[in-house]
N, C-alpha and C. Protein backbone atom coordinates (compact mmCIF):
# COMPACT_ATOMS: atom_id res chain seq x y z
N SER A 1 0.86 -1.23 -0.05
CA SER A 1 0.02 0.04 -0.01
C SER A 1 0.87 1.27 0.19
N THR A 2 0.28 2.37 -0.09
CA THR A 2 1.07 3.63 -0.35
C THR A 2 1.49 4.05 0.85
N GLN A 3 0.58 3.65 2.15
CA GLN A 3 0.92 4.17 3.41
C GLN A 3 2.03 3.35 3.87
N SER A 4 2.20 1.93 3.66
CA SER A 4 3.35 1.24 4.00
C SER A 4 4.55 1.64 3.25
N THR A 5 4.44 2.11 1.99
CA THR A 5 5.62 2.43 1.28
C THR A 5 6.22 3.75 1.82
N TRP A 6 5.34 4.59 2.23
CA TRP A 6 5.70 5.88 2.86
C TRP A 6 6.32 5.59 4.22
N GLY A 7 5.75 4.71 5.12
CA GLY A 7 6.46 4.39 6.25
C GLY A 7 7.78 3.74 6.07
N VAL A 8 8.19 2.97 5.08
CA VAL A 8 9.41 2.52 4.73
C VAL A 8 10.30 3.87 4.43
N ALA A 9 9.77 4.74 3.69
CA ALA A 9 10.86 5.88 3.26
C ALA A 9 10.89 6.60 4.52
N GLU A 10 10.13 7.01 5.37
CA GLU A 10 10.20 7.50 6.63
C GLU A 10 11.20 6.94 7.42
N ALA A 11 11.27 5.65 7.57
CA ALA A 11 12.18 4.80 8.27
C ALA A 11 13.33 5.08 7.80
N GLU A 12 13.65 4.99 6.26
CA GLU A 12 14.81 5.14 5.74
C GLU A 12 15.57 6.69 6.00
N HIS A 13 14.68 7.50 5.97
CA HIS A 13 15.06 8.80 6.58
C HIS A 13 15.75 8.76 8.01
N SER A 14 14.87 8.44 8.93
CA SER A 14 15.27 8.03 10.24
C SER A 14 16.56 7.18 10.50
N LEU A 15 16.64 6.19 9.64
CA LEU A 15 18.09 5.41 9.70
C LEU A 15 19.26 6.55 9.53
N GLY A 16 18.70 7.17 8.24
CA GLY A 16 19.97 8.22 7.87
C GLY A 16 20.47 9.26 9.00
N VAL A 17 19.33 9.68 9.75
CA VAL A 17 19.45 10.64 10.74
C VAL A 17 20.52 9.80 11.86
N LEU A 18 20.14 8.49 12.14
CA LEU A 18 20.81 8.21 13.16
C LEU A 18 22.06 7.65 12.88
N TYR A 19 22.53 7.50 11.67
CA TYR A 19 23.92 7.21 11.10
C TYR A 19 24.43 8.66 11.19
N ASP A 20 23.91 9.38 10.59
CA ASP A 20 24.45 10.90 10.53
C ASP A 20 24.95 11.55 11.93
N GLU A 21 24.09 11.26 12.70
CA GLU A 21 24.37 11.88 14.20
C GLU A 21 25.21 11.17 15.02
N GLY A 22 25.25 9.83 14.72
CA GLY A 22 26.12 8.72 15.42
C GLY A 22 25.34 8.41 16.92
N LYS A 23 24.18 8.58 16.88
CA LYS A 23 23.18 8.27 18.04
C LYS A 23 22.58 6.87 17.74
N HIS A 24 23.08 6.02 18.80
CA HIS A 24 22.35 4.78 18.70
C HIS A 24 23.00 3.60 17.54
N LEU A 25 23.63 4.29 16.80
CA LEU A 25 24.44 3.56 15.74
C LEU A 25 25.75 4.17 15.43
N PRO A 26 26.94 3.59 15.11
CA PRO A 26 28.12 4.17 14.93
C PRO A 26 27.93 5.52 13.87
N GLN A 27 28.51 6.62 14.00
CA GLN A 27 28.58 7.64 12.95
C GLN A 27 29.04 7.11 11.75
N ASP A 28 28.35 7.37 10.60
CA ASP A 28 28.89 6.93 9.18
C ASP A 28 28.02 7.80 8.26
N LYS A 29 28.72 8.75 7.92
CA LYS A 29 28.06 9.86 6.82
C LYS A 29 27.67 9.19 5.53
N GLU A 30 28.60 8.26 5.03
CA GLU A 30 28.20 7.69 3.55
C GLU A 30 26.92 6.82 3.81
N ARG A 31 27.00 6.07 4.93
CA ARG A 31 25.83 5.09 4.99
C ARG A 31 24.64 5.97 5.14
N ALA A 32 24.63 7.18 5.84
CA ALA A 32 23.53 8.16 6.02
C ALA A 32 22.93 8.49 4.99
N LEU A 33 23.83 9.03 3.90
CA LEU A 33 23.68 9.39 2.64
C LEU A 33 22.94 8.22 1.81
N GLU A 34 23.31 7.10 1.96
CA GLU A 34 22.41 5.92 1.34
C GLU A 34 21.12 5.90 1.72
N HIS A 35 20.72 6.15 3.02
CA HIS A 35 19.39 6.07 3.45
C HIS A 35 18.82 7.24 3.16
N TYR A 36 19.38 8.56 2.97
CA TYR A 36 18.82 9.74 2.65
C TYR A 36 18.32 9.64 1.35
N MET A 37 19.21 9.09 0.40
CA MET A 37 18.74 8.94 -1.11
C MET A 37 17.77 8.14 -1.28
N ARG A 38 17.53 6.95 -0.56
CA ARG A 38 16.42 6.00 -0.70
C ARG A 38 14.81 6.82 -0.40
N ALA A 39 15.16 7.45 0.79
CA ALA A 39 14.01 8.24 1.32
C ALA A 39 13.68 9.38 0.35
N ALA A 40 14.62 10.02 -0.06
CA ALA A 40 14.67 11.00 -1.18
C ALA A 40 13.84 10.57 -2.25
N ASP A 41 14.23 9.68 -2.72
CA ASP A 41 13.56 8.71 -4.12
C ASP A 41 12.01 8.38 -3.94
N ALA A 42 11.80 8.28 -2.56
CA ALA A 42 10.32 8.07 -2.32
C ALA A 42 9.60 9.49 -1.90
N GLY A 43 10.30 10.61 -2.22
CA GLY A 43 9.75 11.99 -2.05
C GLY A 43 9.57 12.50 -0.59
N VAL A 44 10.53 12.08 0.32
CA VAL A 44 10.63 12.47 1.90
C VAL A 44 11.31 13.89 1.82
N PRO A 45 10.40 14.95 1.94
CA PRO A 45 10.95 16.24 2.17
C PRO A 45 12.53 16.45 3.03
N LEU A 46 12.33 16.00 4.04
CA LEU A 46 13.35 16.22 4.98
C LEU A 46 14.74 15.50 4.48
N ALA A 47 14.51 14.59 3.84
CA ALA A 47 15.66 13.50 3.33
C ALA A 47 16.41 14.47 2.06
N LEU A 48 15.32 15.09 1.37
CA LEU A 48 15.99 15.93 0.24
C LEU A 48 16.76 17.01 0.85
N PHE A 49 16.15 17.64 1.87
CA PHE A 49 16.81 18.82 2.81
C PHE A 49 18.21 18.28 3.25
N ASN A 50 18.15 17.12 3.86
CA ASN A 50 19.39 16.58 4.66
C ASN A 50 20.48 16.37 3.51
N LEU A 51 20.12 15.76 2.26
CA LEU A 51 21.14 15.71 1.41
C LEU A 51 21.67 17.19 0.98
N GLY A 52 20.82 18.15 0.89
CA GLY A 52 21.33 19.49 0.51
C GLY A 52 22.35 19.86 1.68
N VAL A 53 21.83 19.57 2.75
CA VAL A 53 22.86 19.96 3.86
C VAL A 53 24.25 19.25 3.74
N SER A 54 24.08 17.88 3.49
CA SER A 54 25.42 17.18 3.27
C SER A 54 26.17 17.64 2.21
N HIS A 55 25.52 18.04 0.85
CA HIS A 55 26.40 18.44 -0.07
C HIS A 55 26.85 19.79 0.20
N TYR A 56 26.16 20.77 0.73
CA TYR A 56 26.56 22.03 1.07
C TYR A 56 27.71 22.01 2.02
N HIS A 57 27.80 21.34 3.06
CA HIS A 57 28.95 21.04 3.99
C HIS A 57 29.94 19.97 3.71
N GLY A 58 29.82 19.44 2.63
CA GLY A 58 30.77 18.27 2.29
C GLY A 58 30.84 17.12 3.47
N LEU A 59 29.57 16.69 4.00
CA LEU A 59 29.54 15.70 4.67
C LEU A 59 29.04 14.26 4.02
N GLY A 60 30.37 13.25 3.79
CA GLY A 60 30.19 12.22 3.32
C GLY A 60 30.16 12.19 1.83
N VAL A 61 30.24 13.28 1.14
CA VAL A 61 30.35 13.69 -0.15
C VAL A 61 31.10 15.05 -0.22
N PRO A 62 31.72 15.11 -1.53
CA PRO A 62 32.67 16.26 -1.61
C PRO A 62 31.63 17.50 -1.49
N GLU A 63 32.12 18.72 -1.03
CA GLU A 63 31.23 19.85 -0.80
C GLU A 63 30.88 20.35 -2.33
N ASN A 64 29.59 20.53 -2.35
CA ASN A 64 29.02 21.04 -3.98
C ASN A 64 27.82 21.79 -3.56
N ARG A 65 28.02 23.12 -3.65
CA ARG A 65 26.85 23.98 -3.39
C ARG A 65 25.87 23.91 -4.50
N THR A 66 26.18 23.74 -5.83
CA THR A 66 25.23 23.55 -6.93
C THR A 66 24.35 22.41 -6.64
N GLU A 67 25.07 21.35 -6.17
CA GLU A 67 24.23 20.07 -6.14
C GLU A 67 23.35 20.21 -4.65
N ALA A 68 24.01 20.98 -3.55
CA ALA A 68 23.12 21.33 -2.39
C ALA A 68 21.86 22.16 -2.91
N LEU A 69 22.09 23.26 -3.70
CA LEU A 69 20.91 23.92 -4.13
C LEU A 69 19.76 23.06 -4.79
N ARG A 70 20.27 22.00 -5.77
CA ARG A 70 19.18 21.25 -6.31
C ARG A 70 18.48 20.46 -5.49
N PHE A 71 19.11 19.98 -4.27
CA PHE A 71 18.47 19.09 -3.21
C PHE A 71 17.47 20.19 -2.54
N PHE A 72 17.88 21.22 -2.15
CA PHE A 72 17.26 22.32 -1.41
C PHE A 72 15.94 22.75 -2.14
N ARG A 73 16.01 22.92 -3.42
CA ARG A 73 14.92 23.28 -4.13
C ARG A 73 13.84 22.23 -4.35
N LEU A 74 14.50 20.96 -4.65
CA LEU A 74 13.49 19.80 -4.55
C LEU A 74 12.68 19.81 -3.13
N ALA A 75 13.43 19.99 -2.13
CA ALA A 75 12.82 19.90 -0.82
C ALA A 75 11.80 21.09 -0.80
N GLU A 76 12.15 22.39 -1.15
CA GLU A 76 11.44 23.40 -1.14
C GLU A 76 10.06 23.02 -2.03
N GLU A 77 9.95 22.37 -3.23
CA GLU A 77 8.78 22.09 -3.79
C GLU A 77 8.01 21.18 -3.07
N LEU A 78 8.45 20.53 -2.00
CA LEU A 78 7.58 19.56 -1.11
C LEU A 78 7.30 20.28 0.30
N GLY A 79 7.54 21.75 0.36
CA GLY A 79 7.23 22.45 1.51
C GLY A 79 8.35 23.06 2.40
N ILE A 80 9.36 22.45 2.14
CA ILE A 80 10.40 22.99 3.29
C ILE A 80 11.35 24.09 2.56
N PRO A 81 11.13 25.28 3.28
CA PRO A 81 11.77 26.51 2.85
C PRO A 81 13.15 26.39 2.56
N LEU A 82 13.67 27.33 1.77
CA LEU A 82 15.34 27.22 1.51
C LEU A 82 15.91 27.79 2.73
N PRO A 83 16.98 27.18 3.10
CA PRO A 83 17.75 27.64 4.36
C PRO A 83 18.24 29.02 4.08
N ALA A 84 17.87 30.03 4.82
CA ALA A 84 18.02 31.50 4.59
C ALA A 84 19.58 31.82 5.17
N ASP A 85 20.14 30.99 5.70
CA ASP A 85 21.31 31.26 6.48
C ASP A 85 22.82 30.75 5.67
N LEU A 86 22.34 30.14 4.53
CA LEU A 86 23.42 29.50 3.81
C LEU A 86 23.68 30.41 2.49
N ASP A 87 24.75 30.43 1.85
CA ASP A 87 25.34 30.93 0.73
C ASP A 87 25.18 30.16 -0.39
N LEU A 88 24.04 30.29 -1.23
CA LEU A 88 23.74 29.25 -2.14
C LEU A 88 23.77 30.06 -3.53
N PRO A 89 24.42 29.40 -4.56
CA PRO A 89 24.51 30.02 -5.76
C PRO A 89 23.26 30.68 -6.43
N GLY A 90 23.21 31.85 -6.71
CA GLY A 90 22.00 32.48 -7.15
C GLY A 90 20.81 32.78 -6.35
N VAL A 91 21.04 32.50 -5.01
CA VAL A 91 20.06 32.77 -4.13
C VAL A 91 20.39 33.86 -3.27
N PRO A 92 19.66 35.14 -3.29
CA PRO A 92 19.93 36.10 -2.27
C PRO A 92 20.02 35.64 -0.92
N ARG A 93 20.99 36.02 -0.08
CA ARG A 93 21.15 35.88 1.24
C ARG A 93 19.95 36.52 2.12
N ALA A 94 19.39 36.15 3.12
CA ALA A 94 18.18 36.95 3.91
C ALA A 94 19.05 37.88 4.85
N PRO A 95 18.25 39.01 4.80
CA PRO A 95 18.77 39.98 5.78
C PRO A 95 18.92 39.25 7.35
N PRO A 96 19.87 40.09 7.92
CA PRO A 96 20.01 39.46 9.56
C PRO A 96 18.96 39.23 10.05
N ASP A 97 17.87 40.32 10.20
CA ASP A 97 16.56 40.27 10.87
C ASP A 97 15.61 39.01 10.60
N ASP A 98 15.98 38.28 9.42
CA ASP A 98 15.27 37.14 9.13
C ASP A 98 15.96 35.91 9.83
N ALA A 99 17.06 36.08 10.43
CA ALA A 99 17.79 35.00 11.05
C ALA A 99 17.09 33.89 12.03
N ALA A 100 16.04 34.59 12.62
CA ALA A 100 15.41 33.97 13.61
C ALA A 100 14.28 32.71 12.80
N GLU A 101 14.08 33.15 11.62
CA GLU A 101 13.04 32.44 10.85
C GLU A 101 13.68 31.38 9.93
N ALA A 102 15.11 31.42 9.96
CA ALA A 102 15.90 30.47 9.08
C ALA A 102 15.57 29.16 9.48
N VAL A 103 15.60 28.26 8.50
CA VAL A 103 15.27 26.78 8.70
C VAL A 103 16.53 26.23 9.25
N PRO A 104 16.57 25.58 10.67
CA PRO A 104 17.70 25.33 11.21
C PRO A 104 18.35 23.88 10.68
N ASN A 105 19.46 23.76 10.72
CA ASN A 105 20.05 22.51 9.96
C ASN A 105 19.35 21.42 10.97
N ILE A 106 18.96 20.43 9.95
CA ILE A 106 18.35 19.27 10.49
C ILE A 106 19.47 18.13 11.33
N ILE A 107 20.62 18.21 10.50
CA ILE A 107 21.60 17.28 10.82
C ILE A 107 22.79 18.16 11.30
N PRO A 108 23.77 17.38 12.48
CA PRO A 108 24.71 18.38 13.06
C PRO A 108 25.67 18.73 11.76
N VAL A 109 26.48 20.02 12.14
CA VAL A 109 27.35 20.43 11.28
C VAL A 109 28.55 20.57 12.00
N PRO A 110 29.83 19.91 11.52
CA PRO A 110 31.10 19.98 12.42
C PRO A 110 31.58 21.37 12.45
N GLY A 111 31.75 21.59 13.75
CA GLY A 111 32.21 22.92 14.21
C GLY A 111 34.02 22.94 14.08
N PRO A 112 34.40 23.78 14.80
CA PRO A 112 36.04 23.93 14.96
C PRO A 112 36.28 22.64 15.81
N ALA A 113 37.56 22.08 15.05
CA ALA A 113 38.48 21.09 15.72
C ALA A 113 37.42 19.78 15.70
N GLY A 114 36.55 19.78 14.71
CA GLY A 114 35.72 18.49 14.67
C GLY A 114 34.59 18.47 15.60
N GLY A 115 34.48 19.33 16.31
CA GLY A 115 33.24 19.17 17.05
C GLY A 115 32.10 19.60 16.46
N GLN A 116 30.84 19.53 17.22
CA GLN A 116 29.48 19.75 16.39
C GLN A 116 29.03 21.28 16.88
N CYS A 117 28.20 21.70 16.14
CA CYS A 117 27.61 23.11 16.35
C CYS A 117 26.43 22.91 16.88
């Protein structure tokens, strides 16, 4: 059924998040991407968004802002707004006053010295 297919896709996304964050499973960015791709293929908006974040920051894949924008645009078509706080090709940056309304990163982003922000 369509509902069970959607449930599997959501589970794929959730597994991707677990691998991405290293919670309850060993952290593995490449494996996270595999699960995000399966979920994205089924149309899970947050999976598309997370693929955009991964490509933007080079998490498990080479940094590629053009590819990141492609995934962010696909997520946007499904109701997830573009992240206003990122420098994307051809997308004007939001003024600082809009920062409070920016979409937060769904997956952790490495900070200085390999820590997480």
